[in-house]
């Protein structure tokens, strides 16, 4: 059962890579199509990231009790509704709603995926390798987004790009159908009260290694997302590329990041993770 479930983890992250990291593309579209300012368009990043942080923090203790597969199906189903409302709404407010939904759903997916990795792997090296592989798939999903969205652009119909959300809805439903054919991982039998689990989770912030990890992750995400989010707009406004080419050129960064993460997964199978991190 582990192999099909591992494939499901990759598919889920691939789907959300396209959705969640299309924010830079939608920012550019919002400026050009909906007439909002750069400052207004930047709120899409807030609508995307805040639900991820809040939902991840609040539901982390509940996910193993509910079931990883069930959580994934719920998140994907909610996302499909968000995609349909974006296609039908065709407004900046619709895009804000979309990213709030996608961010919240991705928080569920992320907790379920990372939690289940430990259940379907044996040993530290296999765990690290699968995690890097899943994250590498995520990066390639981002790269695909930069080619997928421009494919729906039309010089005669400024709303034609919204049809990409119908395709993405179909992709989400395929992921749901795939999960439906896979047995659920055994739920954790845990008699510990949720209040104690939540307190234990809060206690992690007192550990130096956790603090260093959180701080490092914060800096990495801030730099990576800051560049990737505004790269399409930079390419159009500063380099004077066409809208479609501005989006496509942004894929170079995503592709190299994906290659780096997959390489990191391979190296993690052969070397201790501290050596891999130090080398990077």
Protein backbone atom coordinates (compact mmCIF):
# COMPACT_ATOMS: atom_id res chain seq x y z
CA UNK A 1 0.00 0.00 0.00
CA UNK A 2 2.93 2.36 0.69
CA UNK A 3 3.90 2.84 -2.95
CA UNK A 4 0.44 4.05 -4.14
CA UNK A 5 0.19 6.31 -1.11
CA UNK A 6 3.59 7.81 -1.92
CA UNK A 7 2.32 8.56 -5.42
CA UNK A 8 -0.71 10.24 -3.88
CA UNK A 9 1.57 12.50 -1.83
CA UNK A 10 3.38 13.58 -4.99
CA UNK A 11 0.12 14.24 -6.87
CA UNK A 12 -1.30 16.36 -4.06
CA UNK A 13 1.79 18.53 -3.80
CA UNK A 14 1.94 18.84 -7.59
CA UNK A 15 -1.65 20.11 -7.73
CA UNK A 16 -1.13 22.68 -4.99
CA UNK A 17 2.17 23.79 -6.45
CA UNK A 18 0.31 24.98 -9.54
CA UNK A 19 -2.49 26.58 -7.54
CA UNK A 20 -0.70 28.14 -4.60
CA UNK A 21 2.25 29.52 -6.49
CA UNK A 22 0.24 31.02 -9.31
CA UNK A 23 -0.08 34.06 -7.03
CA UNK A 24 2.62 35.93 -8.97
CA UNK A 25 0.76 35.30 -12.21
CA UNK A 26 -2.57 36.38 -10.74
CA UNK A 27 -0.96 39.52 -9.29
CA UNK A 28 0.16 40.48 -12.80
CA UNK A 29 -3.28 39.62 -14.20
CA UNK A 30 -5.01 41.63 -11.47
CA UNK A 31 -2.92 44.70 -12.27
CA UNK A 32 -3.53 44.40 -16.01
CA UNK A 33 -7.13 43.12 -16.08
CA UNK A 34 -8.77 44.40 -12.91
CA UNK A 35 -6.98 47.74 -12.72
CA UNK A 36 -5.74 47.37 -9.15
CA UNK A 37 -2.50 48.93 -7.92
CA UNK A 38 0.63 46.97 -7.03
CA UNK A 39 -0.10 47.56 -3.35
CA UNK A 40 -3.65 46.21 -3.68
CA UNK A 41 -2.44 43.25 -5.73
CA UNK A 42 0.14 42.41 -3.07
CA UNK A 43 -2.69 41.53 -0.66
CA UNK A 44 -3.09 38.27 -2.57
CA UNK A 45 0.12 37.12 -0.90
CA UNK A 46 -1.47 37.86 2.48
CA UNK A 47 -4.66 35.98 1.58
CA UNK A 48 -2.49 33.04 0.52
CA UNK A 49 0.00 32.83 3.38
CA UNK A 50 -1.99 33.78 6.48
CA UNK A 51 -4.48 30.88 6.16
CA UNK A 52 -1.55 28.48 5.70
CA UNK A 53 0.05 29.62 8.96
CA UNK A 54 -3.17 29.85 10.99
CA UNK A 55 -4.80 26.60 9.83
CA UNK A 56 -1.54 24.64 10.11
CA UNK A 57 -1.11 25.80 13.69
CA UNK A 58 -4.69 25.09 14.75
CA UNK A 59 -5.36 21.69 13.17
CA UNK A 60 -1.97 19.94 13.39
CA UNK A 61 -3.04 17.87 16.40
CA UNK A 62 -6.36 16.83 14.83
CA UNK A 63 -5.13 15.48 11.49
CA UNK A 64 -3.80 12.08 12.67
CA UNK A 65 -7.05 11.43 14.55
CA UNK A 66 -9.23 12.25 11.54
CA UNK A 67 -7.08 10.37 9.03
CA UNK A 68 -4.54 11.59 6.50
CA UNK A 69 -6.45 10.43 3.43
CA UNK A 70 -9.75 11.92 4.64
CA UNK A 71 -8.07 15.28 5.29
CA UNK A 72 -6.59 15.30 1.79
CA UNK A 73 -9.96 14.54 0.17
CA UNK A 74 -11.66 17.29 2.20
CA UNK A 75 -8.99 19.83 1.24
CA UNK A 76 -9.14 18.95 -2.46
CA UNK A 77 -12.95 19.11 -2.50
CA UNK A 78 -12.96 22.59 -0.92
CA UNK A 79 -10.33 23.71 -3.41
CA UNK A 80 -12.47 22.64 -6.36
CA UNK A 81 -15.22 24.99 -5.13
CA UNK A 82 -12.73 27.85 -4.90
CA UNK A 83 -11.59 27.26 -8.47
CA UNK A 84 -15.12 27.30 -9.83
CA UNK A 85 -15.95 30.56 -8.03
CA UNK A 86 -12.81 32.17 -9.50
CA UNK A 87 -13.79 31.14 -13.01
CA UNK A 88 -17.35 32.39 -12.52
CA UNK A 89 -16.51 35.52 -10.50
CA UNK A 90 -13.76 36.99 -12.72
CA UNK A 91 -12.84 39.75 -10.25
CA UNK A 92 -10.08 40.75 -7.87
CA UNK A 93 -12.28 39.84 -4.90
CA UNK A 94 -12.76 36.37 -6.43
CA UNK A 95 -8.99 35.97 -6.60
CA UNK A 96 -8.68 36.95 -2.93
CA UNK A 97 -11.30 34.35 -2.02
CA UNK A 98 -9.53 31.77 -4.16
CA UNK A 99 -6.18 32.19 -2.44
CA UNK A 100 -7.78 32.19 1.01
CA UNK A 101 -9.39 28.84 0.13
CA UNK A 102 -6.28 27.42 -1.51
CA UNK A 103 -4.09 28.57 1.39
CA UNK A 104 -6.38 26.98 3.99
CA UNK A 105 -6.67 23.76 1.99
CA UNK A 106 -2.93 23.57 1.42
CA UNK A 107 -2.40 23.85 5.17
CA UNK A 108 -4.48 20.68 5.57
CA UNK A 109 -2.66 18.96 2.71
CA UNK A 110 0.76 19.96 4.04
CA UNK A 111 0.12 18.63 7.54
CA UNK A 112 -1.36 15.41 6.13
CA UNK A 113 1.49 14.86 3.66
CA UNK A 114 4.32 15.56 6.09
CA UNK A 115 2.62 13.53 8.79
CA UNK A 116 2.06 10.52 6.55
CA UNK A 117 5.64 10.50 5.22
CA UNK A 118 6.78 9.04 8.53
CA UNK A 119 4.12 6.33 8.23
CA UNK A 120 5.13 5.12 4.76
CA UNK A 121 8.93 5.22 5.13
CA UNK A 122 11.40 3.25 7.22
CA UNK A 123 14.59 4.89 8.35
CA UNK A 124 15.90 8.43 8.38
CA UNK A 125 17.46 8.33 4.91
CA UNK A 126 14.30 7.06 3.20
CA UNK A 127 12.28 9.66 5.10
CA UNK A 128 14.59 12.49 3.97
CA UNK A 129 14.67 11.21 0.40
CA UNK A 130 10.87 11.01 0.09
CA UNK A 131 10.43 14.45 1.63
CA UNK A 132 12.92 16.00 -0.80
CA UNK A 133 11.31 14.15 -3.71
CA UNK A 134 7.85 15.42 -2.78
CA UNK A 135 9.16 18.96 -2.45
CA UNK A 136 10.96 18.61 -5.79
CA UNK A 137 7.67 17.61 -7.38
CA UNK A 138 6.18 20.73 -5.81
CA UNK A 139 8.81 22.90 -7.50
CA UNK A 140 8.17 21.33 -10.91
CA UNK A 141 4.48 22.00 -10.43
CA UNK A 142 5.38 25.64 -9.93
CA UNK A 143 7.40 25.59 -13.15
CA UNK A 144 4.46 24.08 -15.05
CA UNK A 145 2.20 26.89 -13.84
CA UNK A 146 4.37 29.41 -15.67
CA UNK A 147 3.67 27.62 -18.96
CA UNK A 148 0.09 26.55 -18.25
CA UNK A 149 -1.39 29.98 -17.55
CA UNK A 150 0.11 31.72 -20.64
CA UNK A 151 -1.27 28.90 -22.82
CA UNK A 152 -4.77 30.23 -22.07
CA UNK A 153 -3.97 33.87 -22.83
CA UNK A 154 -5.82 35.49 -25.72
CA UNK A 155 -5.18 38.86 -27.35
CA UNK A 156 -8.88 39.21 -28.22
CA UNK A 157 -10.42 37.93 -24.97
CA UNK A 158 -8.85 39.23 -21.73
CA UNK A 159 -10.94 36.77 -19.70
CA UNK A 160 -9.81 33.68 -21.62
CA UNK A 161 -7.08 32.94 -19.07
CA UNK A 162 -9.76 32.04 -16.52
CA UNK A 163 -10.43 28.82 -18.44
CA UNK A 164 -7.27 27.45 -16.87
CA UNK A 165 -9.29 27.09 -13.67
CA UNK A 166 -11.63 24.62 -15.36
CA UNK A 167 -8.61 22.49 -16.25
CA UNK A 168 -7.27 22.80 -12.72
CA UNK A 169 -10.66 21.80 -11.31
CA UNK A 170 -10.47 18.64 -13.40
CA UNK A 171 -6.95 17.98 -12.12
CA UNK A 172 -8.13 18.36 -8.52
CA UNK A 173 -11.01 15.94 -9.12
CA UNK A 174 -8.57 13.44 -10.64
CA UNK A 175 -6.51 13.67 -7.45
CA UNK A 176 -9.66 13.03 -5.39
CA UNK A 177 -10.50 9.99 -7.53
CA UNK A 178 -6.95 8.68 -7.13
CA UNK A 179 -7.13 9.01 -3.35
CA UNK A 180 -10.53 7.30 -3.27
CA UNK A 181 -8.90 4.11 -4.58
CA UNK A 182 -6.22 4.02 -1.89
CA UNK A 183 -6.84 2.58 1.60
CA UNK A 184 -6.56 4.95 4.54
CA UNK A 185 -3.47 4.71 6.70
CA UNK A 186 -4.21 3.36 10.18
CA UNK A 187 -5.35 6.13 12.51
CA UNK A 188 -3.25 6.83 15.56
CA UNK A 189 -4.62 5.28 18.72
CA UNK A 190 -3.85 8.04 21.17
CA UNK A 191 -5.51 8.51 24.54
CA UNK A 192 -3.65 11.75 25.25
CA UNK A 193 -6.10 14.68 25.56
CA UNK A 194 -5.90 17.23 22.77
CA UNK A 195 -5.15 19.97 25.28
CA UNK A 196 -1.99 18.15 26.36
CA UNK A 197 -0.94 17.56 22.75
CA UNK A 198 -1.46 21.23 21.98
CA UNK A 199 0.61 22.23 25.02
CA UNK A 200 3.36 19.85 23.96
CA UNK A 201 3.34 21.41 20.50
CA UNK A 202 3.72 24.87 22.02
CA UNK A 203 6.59 23.52 24.09
CA UNK A 204 8.60 22.93 20.92
CA UNK A 205 9.35 26.65 20.68
CA UNK A 206 11.59 26.28 23.74
CA UNK A 207 13.95 23.94 21.87
CA UNK A 208 16.93 25.65 20.24
CA UNK A 209 16.94 23.36 17.19
CA UNK A 210 13.27 24.15 16.50
CA UNK A 211 13.89 27.89 16.84
CA UNK A 212 16.85 27.71 14.44
CA UNK A 213 14.79 25.68 11.96
CA UNK A 214 11.83 28.08 12.09
CA UNK A 215 14.08 31.12 11.71
CA UNK A 216 15.96 29.54 8.79
CA UNK A 217 12.73 28.49 7.09
CA UNK A 218 11.30 31.99 7.55
CA UNK A 219 14.31 33.63 5.91
CA UNK A 220 14.37 31.12 3.06
CA UNK A 221 10.66 31.48 2.30
CA UNK A 222 10.83 35.27 2.56
CA UNK A 223 13.61 35.48 -0.03
CA UNK A 224 12.25 32.76 -2.33
CA UNK A 225 8.63 33.93 -2.32
CA UNK A 226 9.59 37.58 -2.51
CA UNK A 227 11.45 36.93 -5.75
CA UNK A 228 9.06 34.40 -7.29
CA UNK A 229 5.90 36.36 -6.50
CA UNK A 230 7.03 39.53 -8.23
CA UNK A 231 9.20 38.07 -10.98
CA UNK A 232 6.45 38.04 -13.67
CA UNK A 233 5.56 41.67 -12.90
CA UNK A 234 9.25 42.64 -12.87
CA UNK A 235 9.77 40.99 -16.25
CA UNK A 236 6.88 42.93 -17.79
CA UNK A 237 7.29 46.33 -16.12
CA UNK A 238 11.09 46.55 -16.00
CA UNK A 239 12.34 44.28 -18.79
CA UNK A 240 9.42 45.24 -21.08
CA UNK A 241 8.58 41.65 -22.01
CA UNK A 242 5.12 40.67 -23.15
CA UNK A 243 2.76 39.37 -20.48
CA UNK A 244 3.02 35.75 -21.65
CA UNK A 245 6.81 35.85 -21.97
CA UNK A 246 7.11 37.56 -18.59
CA UNK A 247 5.32 34.62 -17.01
CA UNK A 248 7.27 31.97 -18.94
CA UNK A 249 10.66 33.47 -18.10
CA UNK A 250 9.85 33.23 -14.40
CA UNK A 251 9.87 29.44 -14.78
CA UNK A 252 13.69 29.38 -14.93
CA UNK A 253 13.97 30.01 -11.19
CA UNK A 254 11.32 27.39 -10.37
CA UNK A 255 13.01 24.74 -12.54
CA UNK A 256 16.42 25.26 -10.96
CA UNK A 257 14.88 25.15 -7.47
CA UNK A 258 13.16 21.87 -8.37
CA UNK A 259 16.40 20.36 -9.65
CA UNK A 260 18.15 21.43 -6.47
CA UNK A 261 15.56 19.80 -4.24
CA UNK A 262 15.59 16.52 -6.15
CA UNK A 263 19.40 16.51 -6.03
CA UNK A 264 19.15 17.15 -2.31
CA UNK A 265 16.91 14.10 -1.99
CA UNK A 266 19.44 11.91 -3.76
CA UNK A 267 22.30 13.23 -1.64
CA UNK A 268 20.26 12.63 1.53
CA UNK A 269 20.21 8.91 0.73
CA UNK A 270 24.02 8.81 0.75
CA UNK A 271 25.07 11.42 3.28
CA UNK A 272 23.87 12.69 6.65
CA UNK A 273 21.44 15.61 6.37
CA UNK A 274 23.81 17.96 8.24
CA UNK A 275 26.45 17.47 5.53
CA UNK A 276 23.89 18.15 2.79
CA UNK A 277 22.63 21.33 4.48
CA UNK A 278 26.14 22.57 5.23
CA UNK A 279 27.20 21.97 1.63
CA UNK A 280 24.21 23.91 0.32
